[in-house]
Amino acid sequence: MVVRFFLRFLLRYRWYLVGVELLNIVWGLAEAFLPYVLKLIIDALETGPEATASSYIWTLFFTLIGLLCAKDAVARITDIVTHGYISPYAQCDMRQAALGYAMDHSYDYYQKIFLAV
């Protein structure tokens, strides 16, 4: 019953949530790929200062920087969407629904329920 209550409000923002989950998949892939790029850089450094290895190292270095920037950008966008857009509106809708639910009950209902208090 509680899950149904929350889903009623969150399904209104389902496309934002789908986008956030896709961004989280991108973040996870970038996180998983970082050690492999570092391994490739270390392996390229071990081969020696050849011209092809040098350009390869720079390519890997910029790939590493790009992955780190993409990972941070995804984290920031996810926070902006969830905490800046979805959360305030969903909380307001939930508050209104809870207050409406409480206001729909009669005074006698509360007298009977909270009689022991």
Protein backbone atom coordinates (compact mmCIF):
# COMPACT_ATOMS: atom_id res chain seq x y z
CA MET A 1 0.00 0.00 0.00
CA VAL A 2 2.85 2.38 0.79
CA VAL A 3 4.62 1.59 -2.49
CA ARG A 4 1.39 2.23 -4.39
CA PHE A 5 1.08 5.60 -2.62
CA PHE A 6 4.58 6.67 -3.70
CA LEU A 7 4.27 5.25 -7.21
CA ARG A 8 1.14 7.27 -7.80
CA PHE A 9 3.23 10.44 -7.51
CA LEU A 10 6.48 9.22 -9.03
CA LEU A 11 4.89 7.80 -12.17
CA ARG A 12 4.00 11.35 -13.11
CA TYR A 13 7.74 11.93 -13.57
CA ARG A 14 8.49 8.56 -15.17
CA TRP A 15 10.37 9.97 -18.18
CA TYR A 16 12.62 12.01 -15.92
CA LEU A 17 13.27 8.91 -13.85
CA VAL A 18 13.99 6.86 -16.98
CA GLY A 19 16.48 9.53 -18.06
CA VAL A 20 18.11 9.52 -14.64
CA GLU A 21 18.44 5.74 -14.74
CA LEU A 22 20.00 5.88 -18.22
CA LEU A 23 22.46 8.47 -16.92
CA ASN A 24 23.24 6.19 -14.00
CA ILE A 25 24.03 3.38 -16.46
CA VAL A 26 26.40 5.72 -18.31
CA TRP A 27 28.00 6.66 -14.99
CA GLY A 28 28.44 2.98 -14.09
CA LEU A 29 30.02 2.19 -17.46
CA ALA A 30 32.42 5.12 -17.10
CA GLU A 31 33.28 3.98 -13.58
CA ALA A 32 33.94 0.44 -14.79
CA PHE A 33 35.99 1.59 -17.78
CA LEU A 34 38.35 3.87 -15.78
CA PRO A 35 40.63 1.12 -14.41
CA TYR A 36 40.96 -0.37 -17.88
CA VAL A 37 42.06 2.98 -19.32
CA LEU A 38 44.57 3.37 -16.50
CA LYS A 39 45.91 -0.12 -17.29
CA LEU A 40 46.28 0.82 -20.94
CA ILE A 41 48.18 3.98 -19.99
CA ILE A 42 50.54 2.04 -17.72
CA ASP A 43 51.10 -0.61 -20.38
CA ALA A 44 51.83 2.08 -22.98
CA LEU A 45 54.32 3.77 -20.64
CA GLU A 46 56.16 0.50 -20.17
CA THR A 47 56.74 0.05 -23.90
CA GLY A 48 59.08 3.05 -24.14
CA PRO A 49 59.13 6.54 -25.63
CA GLU A 50 58.31 5.64 -29.23
CA ALA A 51 56.41 8.12 -31.39
CA THR A 52 53.38 5.89 -31.80
CA ALA A 53 53.32 5.04 -28.12
CA SER A 54 53.52 8.74 -27.23
CA SER A 55 50.48 9.67 -29.30
CA TYR A 56 48.69 6.59 -27.96
CA ILE A 57 49.44 7.69 -24.39
CA TRP A 58 48.05 11.16 -25.06
CA THR A 59 44.92 9.66 -26.58
CA LEU A 60 44.44 7.47 -23.53
CA PHE A 61 45.15 10.39 -21.20
CA PHE A 62 42.48 12.53 -22.86
CA THR A 63 40.12 9.55 -22.80
CA LEU A 64 40.72 9.30 -19.06
CA ILE A 65 40.05 13.01 -18.56
CA GLY A 66 36.92 12.75 -20.72
CA LEU A 67 35.62 9.81 -18.69
CA LEU A 68 36.20 11.65 -15.42
CA CYS A 69 34.43 14.76 -16.72
CA ALA A 70 31.54 12.71 -18.09
CA LYS A 71 31.19 10.89 -14.78
CA ASP A 72 31.04 14.16 -12.85
CA ALA A 73 28.63 15.73 -15.33
CA VAL A 74 26.29 12.75 -15.08
CA ALA A 75 26.36 12.94 -11.28
CA ARG A 76 25.54 16.66 -11.32
CA ILE A 77 22.75 16.31 -13.89
CA THR A 78 21.23 13.46 -11.91
CA ASP A 79 21.27 15.54 -8.72
CA ILE A 80 19.75 18.54 -10.47
CA VAL A 81 16.93 16.47 -11.94
CA THR A 82 16.11 14.50 -8.81
CA HIS A 83 16.66 17.07 -6.07
CA GLY A 84 15.91 20.21 -8.04
CA TYR A 85 12.90 19.18 -10.04
CA ILE A 86 11.27 15.87 -9.10
CA SER A 87 11.68 15.93 -5.33
CA PRO A 88 10.02 19.31 -4.51
CA TYR A 89 7.01 18.72 -6.74
CA ALA A 90 6.53 15.12 -5.64
CA GLN A 91 6.81 16.11 -1.97
CA CYS A 92 4.23 18.86 -2.45
CA ASP A 93 1.85 16.45 -4.19
CA MET A 94 2.29 13.88 -1.41
CA ARG A 95 1.67 16.48 1.28
CA GLN A 96 -1.53 17.61 -0.46
CA ALA A 97 -2.75 14.03 -0.83
CA ALA A 98 -2.03 13.20 2.82
CA LEU A 99 -3.76 16.36 4.02
CA GLY A 100 -6.71 15.71 1.71
CA TYR A 101 -6.96 12.16 3.05
CA ALA A 102 -6.98 13.45 6.62
CA MET A 103 -9.50 16.19 5.84
CA ASP A 104 -11.90 13.72 4.21
CA HIS A 105 -12.45 11.96 7.55
CA SER A 106 -15.11 13.27 9.86
CA TYR A 107 -14.61 14.67 13.32
CA ASP A 108 -16.29 11.58 14.79
CA TYR A 109 -13.69 9.34 13.13
CA TYR A 110 -10.89 11.08 14.98
CA GLN A 111 -12.85 11.02 18.23
CA LYS A 112 -13.19 7.24 18.00
CA ILE A 113 -9.64 6.51 16.83
CA PHE A 114 -7.80 8.81 19.24
CA LEU A 115 -10.10 8.20 22.19
CA ALA A 116 -7.33 6.65 24.28
CA VAL A 117 -5.00 9.63 23.88
